């Protein structure tokens, strides 16, 4: 007997995932990754290869997120001599940055990193984030200057469920082929499946458009409220260029590549704002009003991302899809396989 699912209960979005199904490395060639296809009209599930996408995708235009991942993880020492690890989250006003720091720190603490980079802890928040100011040789750094230093001393910020250290290969693996605008601390992972050749094939009879949403560390933060309607969504900066705005305003069918694109498209469809902070939480109580199709990876249990999937297909079908993916031994999460909702 199947359990009755309360769509507002956090537990309804849980599922069992064997650890060996978490992908620690991407599939190569990219077209060999697996693709689960879910057809909403018939509730049919099909199992294909990602290379099959151009021939099975319905007529539609495609929107990608061209954000570029920053080497946002750095290792250093506290003034006390103890080791520390800092993960950049996002720039703030007044040359401040939101970060996460491993271990205990207090306001006024100074952290020391390579190339004479220092971080002064300004504020501590209950959600675990900290506000810091970065300096090099005593000179306060803005975002561009900090990113330049991080490109030398930083590490690729692999997600916490990838249980290994980053390597030189991750600098290209954990970055889309069209990444352009620096600012993300996590990759828009559905985009990682696309090669230049695949995009060229798709562009023959479809419009390819781009927007920018800088994925923050909050994307990995779990939902803590048992009633999901009480969840407060993290903010991420976005910017939508004019040609992409025009596409969203049209009545042409759209495939959003990834949850970040989906949230941007839906934010613009609601607010009409082409840039700003996106805090949109898509779920069964707040369904898409513009985007037609979704391409995404498989997401963590009880996450806002799996809740976004339910906004397209419903809770029962989402859990059926995930159960099937586990049974069929799909690879999950950032370096894992993909799923297409049509």
C-alpha atoms as a PDB file:
ATOM      1  CA  UNK A   1       0.000   0.000   0.000  1.00  0.00           C
ATOM      2  CA  UNK A   2       1.523   3.331  -1.062  1.00  0.00           C
ATOM      3  CA  UNK A   3       1.828   6.050   1.536  1.00  0.00           C
ATOM      4  CA  UNK A   4      -0.294   9.187   1.363  1.00  0.00           C
ATOM      5  CA  UNK A   5       1.936  12.149   0.534  1.00  0.00           C
ATOM      6  CA  UNK A   6       1.282  15.567   2.074  1.00  0.00           C
ATOM      7  CA  UNK A   7       2.719  17.989  -0.510  1.00  0.00           C
ATOM      8  CA  UNK A   8       3.578  20.581   2.154  1.00  0.00           C
ATOM      9  CA  UNK A   9       5.443  18.106   4.347  1.00  0.00           C
ATOM     10  CA  UNK A  10       9.227  18.015   4.023  1.00  0.00           C
ATOM     11  CA  UNK A  11       9.242  14.245   4.516  1.00  0.00           C
ATOM     12  CA  UNK A  12       7.234  13.807   1.303  1.00  0.00           C
ATOM     13  CA  UNK A  13      10.345  14.797  -0.666  1.00  0.00           C
ATOM     14  CA  UNK A  14      12.624  12.176   0.850  1.00  0.00           C
ATOM     15  CA  UNK A  15      13.959   9.109  -0.936  1.00  0.00           C
ATOM     16  CA  UNK A  16      16.647   6.484  -0.362  1.00  0.00           C
ATOM     17  CA  UNK A  17      19.790   6.788  -2.469  1.00  0.00           C
ATOM     18  CA  UNK A  18      22.572   4.209  -2.320  1.00  0.00           C
ATOM     19  CA  UNK A  19      25.873   6.126  -1.916  1.00  0.00           C
ATOM     20  CA  UNK A  20      27.402   4.359  -4.915  1.00  0.00           C
ATOM     21  CA  UNK A  21      24.923   6.153  -7.204  1.00  0.00           C
ATOM     22  CA  UNK A  22      26.407   9.561  -6.355  1.00  0.00           C
ATOM     23  CA  UNK A  23      28.666  10.496  -9.278  1.00  0.00           C
ATOM     24  CA  UNK A  24      32.178  11.525  -8.289  1.00  0.00           C
ATOM     25  CA  UNK A  25      33.259  12.040 -11.899  1.00  0.00           C
ATOM     26  CA  UNK A  26      31.420  13.074 -15.080  1.00  0.00           C
ATOM     27  CA  UNK A  27      30.693  10.734 -17.986  1.00  0.00           C
ATOM     28  CA  UNK A  28      32.838  10.985 -21.115  1.00  0.00           C
ATOM     29  CA  UNK A  29      32.097  11.490 -23.889  1.00  0.00           C
ATOM     30  CA  UNK A  30      29.334  13.739 -22.627  1.00  0.00           C
ATOM     31  CA  UNK A  31      26.800  12.281 -25.071  1.00  0.00           C
ATOM     32  CA  UNK A  32      27.131   8.914 -23.294  1.00  0.00           C
ATOM     33  CA  UNK A  33      25.526  10.187 -20.096  1.00  0.00           C
ATOM     34  CA  UNK A  34      22.115   8.669 -19.547  1.00  0.00           C
ATOM     35  CA  UNK A  35      18.905  10.628 -20.124  1.00  0.00           C
ATOM     36  CA  UNK A  36      15.620   9.766 -18.430  1.00  0.00           C
ATOM     37  CA  UNK A  37      12.704  11.230 -20.394  1.00  0.00           C
ATOM     38  CA  UNK A  38       9.339  11.814 -18.719  1.00  0.00           C
ATOM     39  CA  UNK A  39       6.322  12.613 -20.894  1.00  0.00           C
ATOM     40  CA  UNK A  40       3.666  14.386 -18.845  1.00  0.00           C
ATOM     41  CA  UNK A  41       0.768  13.677 -21.203  1.00  0.00           C
ATOM     42  CA  UNK A  42       1.202   9.894 -21.052  1.00  0.00           C
ATOM     43  CA  UNK A  43       3.200   9.588 -17.803  1.00  0.00           C
ATOM     44  CA  UNK A  44       5.666   7.482 -19.803  1.00  0.00           C
ATOM     45  CA  UNK A  45       9.282   7.091 -18.703  1.00  0.00           C
ATOM     46  CA  UNK A  46      11.957   6.330 -21.317  1.00  0.00           C
ATOM     47  CA  UNK A  47      15.656   5.598 -20.916  1.00  0.00           C
ATOM     48  CA  UNK A  48      17.967   7.104 -23.543  1.00  0.00           C
ATOM     49  CA  UNK A  49      21.455   8.562 -23.961  1.00  0.00           C
ATOM     50  CA  UNK A  50      22.085  12.296 -23.741  1.00  0.00           C
ATOM     51  CA  UNK A  51      23.254  12.213 -27.360  1.00  0.00           C
ATOM     52  CA  UNK A  52      19.656  11.381 -28.336  1.00  0.00           C
ATOM     53  CA  UNK A  53      18.428  14.793 -27.169  1.00  0.00           C
ATOM     54  CA  UNK A  54      18.361  16.607 -30.557  1.00  0.00           C
ATOM     55  CA  UNK A  55      16.193  13.956 -32.190  1.00  0.00           C
ATOM     56  CA  UNK A  56      13.639  13.540 -29.376  1.00  0.00           C
ATOM     57  CA  UNK A  57      13.296  17.134 -28.131  1.00  0.00           C
ATOM     58  CA  UNK A  58       9.955  18.748 -29.126  1.00  0.00           C
ATOM     59  CA  UNK A  59      10.098  21.981 -31.173  1.00  0.00           C
ATOM     60  CA  UNK A  60      11.278  24.678 -28.762  1.00  0.00           C
ATOM     61  CA  UNK A  61      13.955  27.271 -28.140  1.00  0.00           C
ATOM     62  CA  UNK A  62      16.598  26.694 -25.472  1.00  0.00           C
ATOM     63  CA  UNK A  63      17.871  28.919 -22.671  1.00  0.00           C
ATOM     64  CA  UNK A  64      21.206  28.306 -20.907  1.00  0.00           C
ATOM     65  CA  UNK A  65      22.815  29.895 -17.843  1.00  0.00           C
ATOM     66  CA  UNK A  66      26.219  31.314 -18.838  1.00  0.00           C
ATOM     67  CA  UNK A  67      27.493  31.947 -15.315  1.00  0.00           C
ATOM     68  CA  UNK A  68      31.118  30.994 -14.662  1.00  0.00           C
ATOM     69  CA  UNK A  69      32.241  29.162 -11.534  1.00  0.00           C
ATOM     70  CA  UNK A  70      34.852  30.966  -9.438  1.00  0.00           C
ATOM     71  CA  UNK A  71      37.585  29.070  -7.601  1.00  0.00           C
ATOM     72  CA  UNK A  72      35.697  29.928  -4.470  1.00  0.00           C
ATOM     73  CA  UNK A  73      37.282  27.595  -1.890  1.00  0.00           C
ATOM     74  CA  UNK A  74      40.503  28.728  -0.224  1.00  0.00           C
ATOM     75  CA  UNK A  75      42.600  27.257   2.580  1.00  0.00           C
ATOM     76  CA  UNK A  76      44.615  29.280   5.062  1.00  0.00           C
ATOM     77  CA  UNK A  77      45.375  29.935   8.702  1.00  0.00           C
ATOM     78  CA  UNK A  78      43.835  31.901  11.544  1.00  0.00           C
ATOM     79  CA  UNK A  79      45.901  34.431  13.437  1.00  0.00           C
ATOM     80  CA  UNK A  80      46.029  31.813  16.201  1.00  0.00           C
ATOM     81  CA  UNK A  81      47.816  29.470  13.795  1.00  0.00           C
ATOM     82  CA  UNK A  82      44.988  26.990  13.326  1.00  0.00           C
ATOM     83  CA  UNK A  83      44.016  25.928   9.827  1.00  0.00           C
ATOM     84  CA  UNK A  84      40.880  27.287   8.226  1.00  0.00           C
ATOM     85  CA  UNK A  85      38.814  26.865   5.074  1.00  0.00           C
ATOM     86  CA  UNK A  86      36.669  29.579   3.497  1.00  0.00           C
ATOM     87  CA  UNK A  87      33.986  29.216   0.838  1.00  0.00           C
ATOM     88  CA  UNK A  88      32.956  32.382  -0.963  1.00  0.00           C
ATOM     89  CA  UNK A  89      29.195  32.786  -1.344  1.00  0.00           C
ATOM     90  CA  UNK A  90      28.480  36.156  -2.980  1.00  0.00           C
ATOM     91  CA  UNK A  91      29.589  39.799  -3.145  1.00  0.00           C
ATOM     92  CA  UNK A  92      27.728  42.329  -1.012  1.00  0.00           C
ATOM     93  CA  UNK A  93      27.754  46.117  -0.845  1.00  0.00           C
ATOM     94  CA  UNK A  94      30.644  48.172   0.561  1.00  0.00           C
ATOM     95  CA  UNK A  95      33.387  45.713  -0.501  1.00  0.00           C
ATOM     96  CA  UNK A  96      31.972  43.004   1.772  1.00  0.00           C
ATOM     97  CA  UNK A  97      31.390  39.359   0.871  1.00  0.00           C
ATOM     98  CA  UNK A  98      29.124  36.646   2.190  1.00  0.00           C
ATOM     99  CA  UNK A  99      31.165  33.512   2.978  1.00  0.00           C
ATOM    100  CA  UNK A 100      31.116  30.260   4.927  1.00  0.00           C
ATOM    101  CA  UNK A 101      34.060  29.487   7.211  1.00  0.00           C
ATOM    102  CA  UNK A 102      34.898  26.100   8.715  1.00  0.00           C
ATOM    103  CA  UNK A 103      35.502  26.229  12.446  1.00  0.00           C
ATOM    104  CA  UNK A 104      34.887  28.881  15.045  1.00  0.00           C
ATOM    105  CA  UNK A 105      35.642  32.522  14.326  1.00  0.00           C
ATOM    106  CA  UNK A 106      34.521  35.748  15.908  1.00  0.00           C
ATOM    107  CA  UNK A 107      33.957  39.269  14.627  1.00  0.00           C
ATOM    108  CA  UNK A 108      37.357  40.888  14.184  1.00  0.00           C
ATOM    109  CA  UNK A 109      39.187  37.616  13.437  1.00  0.00           C
ATOM    110  CA  UNK A 110      41.772  37.799  10.670  1.00  0.00           C
ATOM    111  CA  UNK A 111      42.292  34.864   8.312  1.00  0.00           C
ATOM    112  CA  UNK A 112      45.469  34.582   6.232  1.00  0.00           C
ATOM    113  CA  UNK A 113      45.715  32.986   2.780  1.00  0.00           C
ATOM    114  CA  UNK A 114      48.216  32.750  -0.070  1.00  0.00           C
ATOM    115  CA  UNK A 115      49.479  35.771  -2.042  1.00  0.00           C
ATOM    116  CA  UNK A 116      49.150  37.912   1.124  1.00  0.00           C
ATOM    117  CA  UNK A 117      45.350  37.710   0.949  1.00  0.00           C
ATOM    118  CA  UNK A 118      43.601  38.306   4.274  1.00  0.00           C
ATOM    119  CA  UNK A 119      39.960  38.206   5.316  1.00  0.00           C
ATOM    120  CA  UNK A 120      38.614  40.189   8.252  1.00  0.00           C
ATOM    121  CA  UNK A 121      35.463  38.709   9.783  1.00  0.00           C
ATOM    122  CA  UNK A 122      32.860  41.455  10.142  1.00  0.00           C
ATOM    123  CA  UNK A 123      29.608  39.717  11.128  1.00  0.00           C
ATOM    124  CA  UNK A 124      28.340  36.233  12.034  1.00  0.00           C
ATOM    125  CA  UNK A 125      24.816  35.064  11.181  1.00  0.00           C
ATOM    126  CA  UNK A 126      22.611  32.297  12.547  1.00  0.00           C
ATOM    127  CA  UNK A 127      22.400  30.545   9.165  1.00  0.00           C
ATOM    128  CA  UNK A 128      26.144  29.851   9.333  1.00  0.00           C
ATOM    129  CA  UNK A 129      27.196  32.545   6.877  1.00  0.00           C
ATOM    130  CA  UNK A 130      29.734  35.227   7.736  1.00  0.00           C
ATOM    131  CA  UNK A 131      30.479  38.640   6.280  1.00  0.00           C
ATOM    132  CA  UNK A 132      34.121  39.450   5.573  1.00  0.00           C
ATOM    133  CA  UNK A 133      36.303  42.068   3.906  1.00  0.00           C
ATOM    134  CA  UNK A 134      39.259  40.909   1.812  1.00  0.00           C
ATOM    135  CA  UNK A 135      42.566  42.761   1.586  1.00  0.00           C
ATOM    136  CA  UNK A 136      45.901  42.181  -0.110  1.00  0.00           C
ATOM    137  CA  UNK A 137      48.961  43.883   1.308  1.00  0.00           C
ATOM    138  CA  UNK A 138      46.618  46.101   3.302  1.00  0.00           C
ATOM    139  CA  UNK A 139      44.587  47.233   0.282  1.00  0.00           C
ATOM    140  CA  UNK A 140      40.836  46.536   0.324  1.00  0.00           C
ATOM    141  CA  UNK A 141      39.721  44.373  -2.610  1.00  0.00           C
ATOM    142  CA  UNK A 142      36.685  44.685  -4.842  1.00  0.00           C
ATOM    143  CA  UNK A 143      35.037  41.716  -6.544  1.00  0.00           C
ATOM    144  CA  UNK A 144      37.123  41.758  -9.735  1.00  0.00           C
ATOM    145  CA  UNK A 145      40.404  41.972  -7.828  1.00  0.00           C
ATOM    146  CA  UNK A 146      39.383  39.175  -5.480  1.00  0.00           C
ATOM    147  CA  UNK A 147      38.340  36.863  -8.341  1.00  0.00           C
ATOM    148  CA  UNK A 148      41.731  37.415  -9.981  1.00  0.00           C
ATOM    149  CA  UNK A 149      43.547  36.309  -6.824  1.00  0.00           C
ATOM    150  CA  UNK A 150      41.216  33.335  -6.366  1.00  0.00           C
ATOM    151  CA  UNK A 151      42.044  32.193  -9.902  1.00  0.00           C
ATOM    152  CA  UNK A 152      45.602  31.647  -8.629  1.00  0.00           C
ATOM    153  CA  UNK A 153      45.130  30.298  -5.095  1.00  0.00           C
ATOM    154  CA  UNK A 154      41.542  29.029  -5.021  1.00  0.00           C
ATOM    155  CA  UNK A 155      40.120  25.552  -5.480  1.00  0.00           C
ATOM    156  CA  UNK A 156      37.134  24.413  -7.534  1.00  0.00           C
ATOM    157  CA  UNK A 157      34.226  24.399  -5.055  1.00  0.00           C
ATOM    158  CA  UNK A 158      33.051  20.841  -5.608  1.00  0.00           C
ATOM    159  CA  UNK A 159      29.777  20.099  -3.800  1.00  0.00           C
ATOM    160  CA  UNK A 160      29.961  18.491  -0.339  1.00  0.00           C
ATOM    161  CA  UNK A 161      28.593  15.157  -1.589  1.00  0.00           C
ATOM    162  CA  UNK A 162      31.593  14.642  -3.893  1.00  0.00           C
ATOM    163  CA  UNK A 163      33.935  12.953  -1.438  1.00  0.00           C
ATOM    164  CA  UNK A 164      37.287  13.805  -2.965  1.00  0.00           C
ATOM    165  CA  UNK A 165      39.585  16.782  -3.392  1.00  0.00           C
ATOM    166  CA  UNK A 166      39.336  18.849  -6.548  1.00  0.00           C
ATOM    167  CA  UNK A 167      41.860  18.262  -9.323  1.00  0.00           C
ATOM    168  CA  UNK A 168      43.092  20.237 -12.317  1.00  0.00           C
ATOM    169  CA  UNK A 169      40.541  18.372 -14.457  1.00  0.00           C
ATOM    170  CA  UNK A 170      37.666  19.766 -12.400  1.00  0.00           C
ATOM    171  CA  UNK A 171      38.546  23.247 -13.642  1.00  0.00           C
ATOM    172  CA  UNK A 172      37.042  22.249 -16.993  1.00  0.00           C
ATOM    173  CA  UNK A 173      34.704  19.455 -15.871  1.00  0.00           C
ATOM    174  CA  UNK A 174      32.838  21.696 -13.384  1.00  0.00           C
ATOM    175  CA  UNK A 175      32.287  24.471 -15.930  1.00  0.00           C
ATOM    176  CA  UNK A 176      29.936  24.677 -18.898  1.00  0.00           C
ATOM    177  CA  UNK A 177      31.536  25.091 -22.333  1.00  0.00           C
ATOM    178  CA  UNK A 178      29.818  28.492 -22.669  1.00  0.00           C
ATOM    179  CA  UNK A 179      30.617  29.811 -19.162  1.00  0.00           C
ATOM    180  CA  UNK A 180      31.309  33.530 -19.470  1.00  0.00           C
ATOM    181  CA  UNK A 181      30.261  35.714 -16.540  1.00  0.00           C
ATOM    182  CA  UNK A 182      32.207  35.046 -13.324  1.00  0.00           C
ATOM    183  CA  UNK A 183      30.297  34.827 -10.077  1.00  0.00           C
ATOM    184  CA  UNK A 184      28.968  31.318  -9.362  1.00  0.00           C
ATOM    185  CA  UNK A 185      30.245  29.129  -6.548  1.00  0.00           C
ATOM    186  CA  UNK A 186      28.366  26.091  -7.876  1.00  0.00           C
ATOM    187  CA  UNK A 187      27.877  25.012 -11.475  1.00  0.00           C
ATOM    188  CA  UNK A 188      24.504  25.010 -13.247  1.00  0.00           C
ATOM    189  CA  UNK A 189      24.984  21.285 -13.584  1.00  0.00           C
ATOM    190  CA  UNK A 190      22.460  20.421 -16.295  1.00  0.00           C
ATOM    191  CA  UNK A 191      24.641  22.533 -18.605  1.00  0.00           C
ATOM    192  CA  UNK A 192      27.664  20.319 -17.999  1.00  0.00           C
ATOM    193  CA  UNK A 193      26.207  17.700 -20.354  1.00  0.00           C
ATOM    194  CA  UNK A 194      26.509  19.957 -23.409  1.00  0.00           C
ATOM    195  CA  UNK A 195      29.460  19.943 -25.778  1.00  0.00           C
ATOM    196  CA  UNK A 196      30.059  22.601 -28.419  1.00  0.00           C
ATOM    197  CA  UNK A 197      29.053  20.031 -31.045  1.00  0.00           C
ATOM    198  CA  UNK A 198      25.746  19.282 -29.311  1.00  0.00           C
ATOM    199  CA  UNK A 199      24.880  22.973 -29.093  1.00  0.00           C
ATOM    200  CA  UNK A 200      25.724  23.447 -32.768  1.00  0.00           C
ATOM    201  CA  UNK A 201      23.368  20.575 -33.680  1.00  0.00           C
ATOM    202  CA  UNK A 202      20.566  22.050 -31.610  1.00  0.00           C
ATOM    203  CA  UNK A 203      21.126  25.543 -33.012  1.00  0.00           C
ATOM    204  CA  UNK A 204      20.395  24.398 -36.576  1.00  0.00           C
ATOM    205  CA  UNK A 205      16.636  24.634 -36.027  1.00  0.00           C
ATOM    206  CA  UNK A 206      16.241  26.333 -32.663  1.00  0.00           C
ATOM    207  CA  UNK A 207      17.052  29.670 -31.089  1.00  0.00           C
ATOM    208  CA  UNK A 208      19.735  29.387 -28.394  1.00  0.00           C
ATOM    209  CA  UNK A 209      19.551  32.085 -25.726  1.00  0.00           C
ATOM    210  CA  UNK A 210      21.448  32.828 -22.516  1.00  0.00           C
ATOM    211  CA  UNK A 211      20.915  34.468 -19.167  1.00  0.00           C
ATOM    212  CA  UNK A 212      23.114  34.755 -16.085  1.00  0.00           C
ATOM    213  CA  UNK A 213      22.285  33.563 -12.595  1.00  0.00           C
ATOM    214  CA  UNK A 214      25.221  33.300 -10.198  1.00  0.00           C
ATOM    215  CA  UNK A 215      24.587  30.109  -8.277  1.00  0.00           C
ATOM    216  CA  UNK A 216      25.316  30.596  -4.576  1.00  0.00           C
ATOM    217  CA  UNK A 217      26.319  28.167  -1.853  1.00  0.00           C
ATOM    218  CA  UNK A 218      22.732  28.368  -0.615  1.00  0.00           C
ATOM    219  CA  UNK A 219      21.761  25.982  -3.408  1.00  0.00           C
ATOM    220  CA  UNK A 220      23.111  23.148  -1.188  1.00  0.00           C
ATOM    221  CA  UNK A 221      21.362  24.378   1.945  1.00  0.00           C
ATOM    222  CA  UNK A 222      18.609  22.015   3.006  1.00  0.00           C
ATOM    223  CA  UNK A 223      15.032  22.958   3.771  1.00  0.00           C
ATOM    224  CA  UNK A 224      14.814  23.093   7.567  1.00  0.00           C
ATOM    225  CA  UNK A 225      11.114  23.793   8.110  1.00  0.00           C
ATOM    226  CA  UNK A 226       8.867  20.726   8.291  1.00  0.00           C
ATOM    227  CA  UNK A 227       6.218  22.742   6.434  1.00  0.00           C
ATOM    228  CA  UNK A 228       7.878  23.678   3.133  1.00  0.00           C
ATOM    229  CA  UNK A 229       5.632  26.748   2.764  1.00  0.00           C
ATOM    230  CA  UNK A 230       7.635  28.270   5.653  1.00  0.00           C
ATOM    231  CA  UNK A 231      10.967  27.928   3.837  1.00  0.00           C
ATOM    232  CA  UNK A 232      12.824  31.166   3.130  1.00  0.00           C
ATOM    233  CA  UNK A 233      14.621  30.928  -0.197  1.00  0.00           C
ATOM    234  CA  UNK A 234      18.214  32.126  -0.585  1.00  0.00           C
ATOM    235  CA  UNK A 235      18.914  35.023  -2.964  1.00  0.00           C
ATOM    236  CA  UNK A 236      21.016  34.792  -6.125  1.00  0.00           C
ATOM    237  CA  UNK A 237      21.927  37.595  -8.532  1.00  0.00           C
ATOM    238  CA  UNK A 238      20.556  37.307 -12.078  1.00  0.00           C
ATOM    239  CA  UNK A 239      20.658  39.270 -15.317  1.00  0.00           C
ATOM    240  CA  UNK A 240      18.651  38.594 -18.478  1.00  0.00           C
ATOM    241  CA  UNK A 241      19.800  40.213 -21.759  1.00  0.00           C
ATOM    242  CA  UNK A 242      17.318  41.791 -24.142  1.00  0.00           C
ATOM    243  CA  UNK A 243      17.134  38.974 -26.695  1.00  0.00           C
ATOM    244  CA  UNK A 244      16.353  36.468 -23.948  1.00  0.00           C
ATOM    245  CA  UNK A 245      13.737  38.822 -22.502  1.00  0.00           C
ATOM    246  CA  UNK A 246      12.121  38.936 -25.933  1.00  0.00           C
ATOM    247  CA  UNK A 247      12.043  35.155 -26.127  1.00  0.00           C
ATOM    248  CA  UNK A 248      10.417  34.862 -22.696  1.00  0.00           C
ATOM    249  CA  UNK A 249       7.824  37.490 -23.662  1.00  0.00           C
ATOM    250  CA  UNK A 250       6.975  35.564 -26.832  1.00  0.00           C
ATOM    251  CA  UNK A 251       4.675  32.559 -27.028  1.00  0.00           C
ATOM    252  CA  UNK A 252       7.403  30.274 -28.366  1.00  0.00           C
ATOM    253  CA  UNK A 253       7.945  27.011 -26.422  1.00  0.00           C
ATOM    254  CA  UNK A 254      10.977  27.147 -24.121  1.00  0.00           C
ATOM    255  CA  UNK A 255      13.284  24.488 -22.735  1.00  0.00           C
ATOM    256  CA  UNK A 256      15.056  25.718 -19.622  1.00  0.00           C
ATOM    257  CA  UNK A 257      18.395  23.977 -19.086  1.00  0.00           C
ATOM    258  CA  UNK A 258      18.588  23.555 -15.340  1.00  0.00           C
ATOM    259  CA  UNK A 259      16.779  24.809 -12.277  1.00  0.00           C
ATOM    260  CA  UNK A 260      18.657  28.135 -12.313  1.00  0.00           C
ATOM    261  CA  UNK A 261      17.371  28.999 -15.788  1.00  0.00           C
ATOM    262  CA  UNK A 262      13.887  27.900 -14.772  1.00  0.00           C
ATOM    263  CA  UNK A 263      13.818  30.144 -11.722  1.00  0.00           C
ATOM    264  CA  UNK A 264      15.095  33.090 -13.809  1.00  0.00           C
ATOM    265  CA  UNK A 265      12.543  32.600 -16.565  1.00  0.00           C
ATOM    266  CA  UNK A 266       9.750  32.352 -14.032  1.00  0.00           C
ATOM    267  CA  UNK A 267      11.032  35.326 -12.027  1.00  0.00           C
ATOM    268  CA  UNK A 268      11.006  37.497 -15.140  1.00  0.00           C
ATOM    269  CA  UNK A 269       7.575  36.189 -16.185  1.00  0.00           C
ATOM    270  CA  UNK A 270       6.214  37.331 -12.817  1.00  0.00           C
ATOM    271  CA  UNK A 271       8.105  40.537 -12.065  1.00  0.00           C
ATOM    272  CA  UNK A 272       9.214  41.831 -15.467  1.00  0.00           C
ATOM    273  CA  UNK A 273      12.572  42.702 -13.862  1.00  0.00           C
ATOM    274  CA  UNK A 274      15.532  41.862 -16.094  1.00  0.00           C
ATOM    275  CA  UNK A 275      18.067  41.827 -13.239  1.00  0.00           C
ATOM    276  CA  UNK A 276      18.229  41.728  -9.481  1.00  0.00           C
ATOM    277  CA  UNK A 277      18.003  39.060  -6.803  1.00  0.00           C
ATOM    278  CA  UNK A 278      16.082  35.892  -7.508  1.00  0.00           C
ATOM    279  CA  UNK A 279      14.408  34.343  -4.454  1.00  0.00           C
ATOM    280  CA  UNK A 280      11.734  32.435  -6.339  1.00  0.00           C
ATOM    281  CA  UNK A 281      10.732  29.122  -4.771  1.00  0.00           C
ATOM    282  CA  UNK A 282       8.950  26.927  -7.299  1.00  0.00           C
ATOM    283  CA  UNK A 283       6.921  24.095  -5.800  1.00  0.00           C
ATOM    284  CA  UNK A 284       3.444  22.602  -5.948  1.00  0.00           C
ATOM    285  CA  UNK A 285       2.024  25.820  -4.471  1.00  0.00           C
ATOM    286  CA  UNK A 286       3.864  27.990  -7.000  1.00  0.00           C
ATOM    287  CA  UNK A 287       3.956  26.314 -10.411  1.00  0.00           C
ATOM    288  CA  UNK A 288       5.635  27.553 -13.626  1.00  0.00           C
ATOM    289  CA  UNK A 289       3.617  30.039 -15.669  1.00  0.00           C
ATOM    290  CA  UNK A 290       5.954  30.386 -18.683  1.00  0.00           C
ATOM    291  CA  UNK A 291       8.548  27.656 -19.169  1.00  0.00           C
ATOM    292  CA  UNK A 292       7.333  24.611 -21.099  1.00  0.00           C
ATOM    293  CA  UNK A 293      10.045  21.964 -20.726  1.00  0.00           C
ATOM    294  CA  UNK A 294      12.741  21.202 -18.165  1.00  0.00           C
ATOM    295  CA  UNK A 295      16.166  19.571 -18.465  1.00  0.00           C
ATOM    296  CA  UNK A 296      17.821  18.907 -15.139  1.00  0.00           C
ATOM    297  CA  UNK A 297      19.965  16.502 -13.143  1.00  0.00           C
ATOM    298  CA  UNK A 298      18.784  14.375 -10.210  1.00  0.00           C
ATOM    299  CA  UNK A 299      18.665  16.308  -6.946  1.00  0.00           C
ATOM    300  CA  UNK A 300      19.139  15.801  -3.227  1.00  0.00           C
ATOM    301  CA  UNK A 301      16.258  14.535  -1.076  1.00  0.00           C
ATOM    302  CA  UNK A 302      14.246  17.258   0.684  1.00  0.00           C
ATOM    303  CA  UNK A 303      15.867  19.980  -1.446  1.00  0.00           C
ATOM    304  CA  UNK A 304      14.214  22.995  -3.077  1.00  0.00           C
ATOM    305  CA  UNK A 305      15.435  21.578  -6.392  1.00  0.00           C
ATOM    306  CA  UNK A 306      13.436  18.360  -6.163  1.00  0.00           C
ATOM    307  CA  UNK A 307      10.482  20.522  -5.119  1.00  0.00           C
ATOM    308  CA  UNK A 308      10.963  22.535  -8.318  1.00  0.00           C
ATOM    309  CA  UNK A 309      10.657  19.291 -10.306  1.00  0.00           C
ATOM    310  CA  UNK A 310       7.325  18.577  -8.606  1.00  0.00           C
ATOM    311  CA  UNK A 311       6.048  21.946  -9.823  1.00  0.00           C
ATOM    312  CA  UNK A 312       6.280  20.507 -13.353  1.00  0.00           C
ATOM    313  CA  UNK A 313       5.117  16.916 -12.865  1.00  0.00           C
ATOM    314  CA  UNK A 314       3.486  16.620  -9.442  1.00  0.00           C
ATOM    315  CA  UNK A 315       4.713  14.969  -6.268  1.00  0.00           C
ATOM    316  CA  UNK A 316       3.655  11.378  -6.898  1.00  0.00           C
ATOM    317  CA  UNK A 317       5.153  11.300 -10.395  1.00  0.00           C
ATOM    318  CA  UNK A 318       8.374  12.948  -9.189  1.00  0.00           C
ATOM    319  CA  UNK A 319       8.859  10.269  -6.544  1.00  0.00           C
ATOM    320  CA  UNK A 320       8.030   7.601  -9.134  1.00  0.00           C
ATOM    321  CA  UNK A 321      10.673   9.029 -11.480  1.00  0.00           C
ATOM    322  CA  UNK A 322      13.289   9.067  -8.709  1.00  0.00           C
ATOM    323  CA  UNK A 323      12.421   5.532  -7.595  1.00  0.00           C
ATOM    324  CA  UNK A 324      12.826   4.381 -11.190  1.00  0.00           C
ATOM    325  CA  UNK A 325      16.139   6.228 -11.550  1.00  0.00           C
ATOM    326  CA  UNK A 326      17.491   4.512  -8.428  1.00  0.00           C
ATOM    327  CA  UNK A 327      16.286   1.101  -9.623  1.00  0.00           C
ATOM    328  CA  UNK A 328      17.879   1.692 -13.038  1.00  0.00           C
ATOM    329  CA  UNK A 329      21.108   2.830 -11.354  1.00  0.00           C
ATOM    330  CA  UNK A 330      21.283   6.308 -12.837  1.00  0.00           C
ATOM    331  CA  UNK A 331      24.113   8.487 -11.555  1.00  0.00           C
ATOM    332  CA  UNK A 332      22.940  11.317  -9.283  1.00  0.00           C
ATOM    333  CA  UNK A 333      23.806  14.943  -8.535  1.00  0.00           C
ATOM    334  CA  UNK A 334      26.254  17.365 -10.140  1.00  0.00           C
ATOM    335  CA  UNK A 335      28.354  14.963 -12.233  1.00  0.00           C
ATOM    336  CA  UNK A 336      25.446  12.569 -12.729  1.00  0.00           C
ATOM    337  CA  UNK A 337      22.931  11.787 -15.455  1.00  0.00           C
ATOM    338  CA  UNK A 338      20.125  13.999 -16.756  1.00  0.00           C
ATOM    339  CA  UNK A 339      16.343  14.050 -16.856  1.00  0.00           C
ATOM    340  CA  UNK A 340      14.092  15.686 -19.444  1.00  0.00           C
ATOM    341  CA  UNK A 341      10.476  16.669 -18.716  1.00  0.00           C
ATOM    342  CA  UNK A 342       8.344  17.241 -21.830  1.00  0.00           C
END
